[in-house]
Amino acid sequence: MDEEEVKDQLDVPRETIERLEAFVDLLRSENQRQNLVSSASLETVWERHILDSVQLVRFAPDGARTWLDLGTGAGFPGLVVPLFHPTHMILVESRRLRAEFLRTAAETLGIAQRVEILCSKLEAVPTRPVDVISARAFAPLPKLLTLAERFSTSGTVWILPKGRNAKSELDAARSSWQGDFRLEPSLTDAEAQIVVASRVRRKTRGRS
C-alpha cells in the first residue's frame, strides 16, 4: 500500500493528514540524529508505522479516557492514536533524546495538551489505573504483563502488537496469567497478530 492509499484509507480531514505529514518530515529529519526507526521502514512509513498505529484504535473500549503506551520510542502508537481517539495519552520512554523528540512531535501534531510524556523507566512510574495499555516492541508478553500489571484494572484493555511471534508469546504467558485473551489479525502484515486482552490477572498458585 503506497502513501496515498494509506491517506485515503485513514479517511480523516485534510488538517489531520497535514499534521501527520509534518510529523513524518520531523521523524525523517530526527532519524539522522538518533536511530528512531530503521531507515528501511521510512520508505513505507505511512503503512509500516502510521497505519500500523491507527489500527489499534478499533480495539479500544468505548469511553476510554486514559491510555498508557509503554516504550513509545518514535511515537508509535502513542503519538498517532490521539489524532484518532479522544483519550489522554501517557507515554513512557526512558531515553532522554527520544523523550525530547516526543515532546517536539506532540507540539507538531497539535496534541500536546492531551499527551503526557514521562522520561522514565516503567518501574519508576507511579502506579495509576488506566483504561488501555499498549506496547509495540517493548518486551516479551510475560515480562510486559509483569511490569505493567499494576496499572491494570478489571476493565483495562491491553492492545499489544506482537508481530509474527504473537501466538508463541501468548502461549508462554498463559502458564502464569489468565484473562480474556484473543489474537487479532494485523491490517499491515498478513503474518502478524495483535494480542487483545482484558481482565488480565496473575494466576493463583495451584489453580488454572
Protein backbone atom coordinates (compact mmCIF):
# COMPACT_ATOMS: atom_id res chain seq x y z
CA MET A 1 0.00 0.00 0.00
CA ASP A 2 1.56 3.30 -1.03
CA GLU A 3 1.41 6.61 0.83
CA GLU A 4 -1.63 8.00 -0.98
CA GLU A 5 -3.57 4.77 -0.50
CA VAL A 6 -2.91 4.89 3.23
CA LYS A 7 -4.00 8.51 3.43
CA ASP A 8 -7.24 7.65 1.64
CA GLN A 9 -7.85 4.70 3.95
CA LEU A 10 -7.40 6.85 7.05
CA ASP A 11 -10.47 8.85 5.97
CA VAL A 12 -9.73 11.92 8.10
CA PRO A 13 -9.86 15.69 7.44
CA ARG A 14 -7.07 17.24 5.38
CA GLU A 15 -5.85 19.06 8.50
CA THR A 16 -5.13 15.73 10.19
CA ILE A 17 -3.22 14.49 7.16
CA GLU A 18 -1.18 17.69 7.13
CA ARG A 19 -0.27 17.22 10.80
CA LEU A 20 0.83 13.66 10.08
CA GLU A 21 2.85 14.84 7.09
CA ALA A 22 4.65 17.37 9.30
CA PHE A 23 5.29 14.63 11.86
CA VAL A 24 6.74 12.33 9.20
CA ASP A 25 9.03 15.15 8.00
CA LEU A 26 10.19 15.68 11.59
CA LEU A 27 10.75 11.95 12.01
CA ARG A 28 12.85 11.73 8.85
CA SER A 29 14.98 14.67 9.96
CA GLU A 30 15.44 13.47 13.54
CA ASN A 31 16.23 9.94 12.39
CA GLN A 32 19.52 11.29 11.06
CA ARG A 33 20.46 12.35 14.59
CA GLN A 34 19.15 9.37 16.55
CA ASN A 35 18.01 5.98 15.34
CA LEU A 36 14.28 6.25 15.95
CA VAL A 37 13.18 3.75 13.30
CA SER A 38 15.03 1.69 10.73
CA SER A 39 15.96 3.55 7.55
CA ALA A 40 14.24 0.84 5.50
CA SER A 41 10.92 1.35 7.31
CA LEU A 42 10.99 5.07 6.49
CA GLU A 43 10.38 4.14 2.87
CA THR A 44 6.96 2.76 3.87
CA VAL A 45 6.41 4.89 6.97
CA TRP A 46 2.72 5.55 6.28
CA GLU A 47 1.82 1.86 6.22
CA ARG A 48 4.54 0.45 8.48
CA HIS A 49 4.17 3.00 11.28
CA ILE A 50 1.18 5.34 10.82
CA LEU A 51 -1.48 2.83 9.73
CA ASP A 52 0.03 0.18 11.99
CA SER A 53 -0.64 2.54 14.92
CA VAL A 54 -4.09 3.70 13.81
CA GLN A 55 -5.39 0.14 13.53
CA LEU A 56 -5.09 -0.29 17.30
CA VAL A 57 -7.83 2.28 17.93
CA ARG A 58 -10.52 -0.18 16.81
CA PHE A 59 -9.84 -2.32 19.90
CA ALA A 60 -10.12 0.49 22.45
CA PRO A 61 -13.25 0.31 24.61
CA ASP A 62 -15.94 2.94 24.24
CA GLY A 63 -15.32 5.82 26.60
CA ALA A 64 -11.65 5.02 27.24
CA ARG A 65 -10.24 8.14 28.90
CA THR A 66 -6.66 7.15 29.75
CA TRP A 67 -4.23 5.22 27.57
CA LEU A 68 -0.75 4.14 28.68
CA ASP A 69 1.79 3.43 25.92
CA LEU A 70 4.97 1.70 27.02
CA GLY A 71 8.36 2.24 25.45
CA THR A 72 6.92 4.74 22.99
CA GLY A 73 10.21 5.31 21.14
CA ALA A 74 9.48 7.21 17.93
CA GLY A 75 5.84 7.78 18.87
CA PHE A 76 4.14 4.66 17.56
CA PRO A 77 1.40 4.19 18.50
CA GLY A 78 1.41 6.76 21.31
CA LEU A 79 1.57 9.95 19.25
CA VAL A 80 -0.69 8.75 16.45
CA VAL A 81 -3.60 7.40 18.48
CA PRO A 82 -4.63 10.80 19.97
CA LEU A 83 -5.37 12.06 16.46
CA PHE A 84 -7.97 9.30 16.11
CA HIS A 85 -9.19 8.85 19.69
CA PRO A 86 -10.08 11.48 22.34
CA THR A 87 -8.09 9.78 25.10
CA HIS A 88 -5.49 11.25 27.44
CA MET A 89 -2.28 9.54 26.34
CA ILE A 90 0.54 8.71 28.75
CA LEU A 91 3.82 7.92 27.02
CA VAL A 92 6.65 6.19 28.84
CA GLU A 93 10.09 6.49 27.24
CA SER A 94 13.26 6.11 29.28
CA ARG A 95 15.71 7.56 26.73
CA ARG A 96 16.12 11.31 27.13
CA LEU A 97 16.70 12.16 23.45
CA ARG A 98 13.65 10.20 22.43
CA ALA A 99 11.53 11.85 25.10
CA GLU A 100 12.67 15.26 23.81
CA PHE A 101 11.70 14.23 20.29
CA LEU A 102 8.28 13.08 21.53
CA ARG A 103 7.63 16.48 23.11
CA THR A 104 8.52 18.30 19.89
CA ALA A 105 6.44 15.86 17.85
CA ALA A 106 3.40 16.26 20.13
CA GLU A 107 3.55 20.02 19.51
CA THR A 108 3.87 19.42 15.77
CA LEU A 109 0.82 17.16 15.80
CA GLY A 110 -1.18 19.65 17.88
CA ILE A 111 -1.89 17.15 20.65
CA ALA A 112 0.47 18.35 23.40
CA GLN A 113 -2.46 19.21 25.69
CA ARG A 114 -3.62 15.59 25.71
CA VAL A 115 -0.25 13.86 25.86
CA GLU A 116 1.79 13.26 29.00
CA ILE A 117 5.40 12.25 28.32
CA LEU A 118 7.28 10.50 31.12
CA CYS A 119 11.03 10.20 30.63
CA SER A 120 11.44 7.28 32.98
CA LYS A 121 11.81 3.55 33.24
CA LEU A 122 8.41 1.96 33.71
CA GLU A 123 9.43 0.59 37.10
CA ALA A 124 9.78 4.18 38.40
CA VAL A 125 6.42 5.43 37.11
CA PRO A 126 3.87 5.92 39.93
CA THR A 127 1.02 3.42 39.83
CA ARG A 128 -2.33 4.63 38.49
CA PRO A 129 -5.25 2.84 36.83
CA VAL A 130 -5.67 3.28 33.08
CA ASP A 131 -8.29 2.20 30.56
CA VAL A 132 -5.92 1.00 27.84
CA ILE A 133 -2.35 -0.31 27.85
CA SER A 134 -0.41 -0.62 24.60
CA ALA A 135 3.16 -1.56 23.79
CA ARG A 136 4.91 -2.04 20.47
CA ALA A 137 8.22 -3.93 20.57
CA PHE A 138 8.62 -3.22 24.29
CA ALA A 139 9.17 -6.64 25.88
CA PRO A 140 8.09 -10.28 25.53
CA LEU A 141 4.49 -10.72 26.66
CA PRO A 142 5.14 -12.49 30.01
CA LYS A 143 7.60 -9.76 31.07
CA LEU A 144 5.34 -6.98 29.77
CA LEU A 145 2.41 -8.26 31.82
CA THR A 146 4.59 -8.48 34.92
CA LEU A 147 5.87 -4.92 34.53
CA ALA A 148 2.53 -3.29 33.73
CA GLU A 149 0.05 -5.32 35.79
CA ARG A 150 -0.12 -2.63 38.48
CA PHE A 151 -1.70 -0.16 36.01
CA SER A 152 -4.43 -2.61 35.03
CA THR A 153 -7.93 -2.98 36.46
CA SER A 154 -10.67 -5.47 35.63
CA GLY A 155 -11.83 -3.06 32.93
CA THR A 156 -8.45 -2.31 31.34
CA VAL A 157 -7.94 -3.43 27.74
CA TRP A 158 -4.44 -4.43 26.66
CA ILE A 159 -3.67 -3.84 22.96
CA LEU A 160 -0.31 -5.37 22.10
CA PRO A 161 1.02 -5.72 18.54
CA LYS A 162 3.20 -8.82 18.65
CA GLY A 163 4.10 -9.41 15.03
CA ARG A 164 4.67 -12.95 13.91
CA ASN A 165 5.53 -14.22 17.40
CA ALA A 166 2.15 -13.38 18.89
CA LYS A 167 0.90 -16.92 19.37
CA SER A 168 4.12 -18.24 20.88
CA GLU A 169 4.33 -15.30 23.29
CA LEU A 170 0.71 -15.74 24.30
CA ASP A 171 1.24 -19.47 24.86
CA ALA A 172 4.22 -18.65 27.10
CA ALA A 173 2.19 -16.12 29.09
CA ARG A 174 -0.75 -18.46 29.72
CA SER A 175 1.27 -20.52 32.19
CA SER A 176 1.28 -17.61 34.66
CA TRP A 177 -1.51 -15.32 33.51
CA GLN A 178 -5.25 -15.59 32.97
CA GLY A 179 -7.89 -13.35 31.47
CA ASP A 180 -9.76 -12.86 28.23
CA PHE A 181 -7.04 -13.11 25.58
CA ARG A 182 -7.53 -13.18 21.84
CA LEU A 183 -5.41 -12.77 18.72
CA GLU A 184 -6.48 -10.29 16.07
CA PRO A 185 -5.01 -10.04 12.54
CA SER A 186 -2.85 -7.05 11.66
CA LEU A 187 -4.00 -4.85 8.78
CA THR A 188 -0.42 -4.09 7.78
CA ASP A 189 1.20 -7.53 7.86
CA ALA A 190 -0.69 -10.67 6.86
CA GLU A 191 1.52 -12.82 9.12
CA ALA A 192 1.40 -10.55 12.17
CA GLN A 193 -1.13 -10.56 15.00
CA ILE A 194 -2.23 -8.31 17.84
CA VAL A 195 -2.85 -9.61 21.36
CA VAL A 196 -6.01 -8.03 22.77
CA ALA A 197 -6.77 -8.83 26.40
CA SER A 198 -8.95 -7.80 29.31
CA ARG A 199 -9.48 -8.96 32.91
CA VAL A 200 -5.79 -9.80 32.98
CA ARG A 201 -4.54 -11.15 36.29
CA ARG A 202 -1.82 -13.39 37.58
CA LYS A 203 -2.84 -17.00 38.13
CA THR A 204 -3.28 -18.08 41.70
CA ARG A 205 -0.81 -20.83 42.51
CA GLY A 206 -2.43 -24.23 42.32
CA ARG A 207 -5.26 -23.06 40.04
CA SER A 208 -5.54 -22.96 36.26
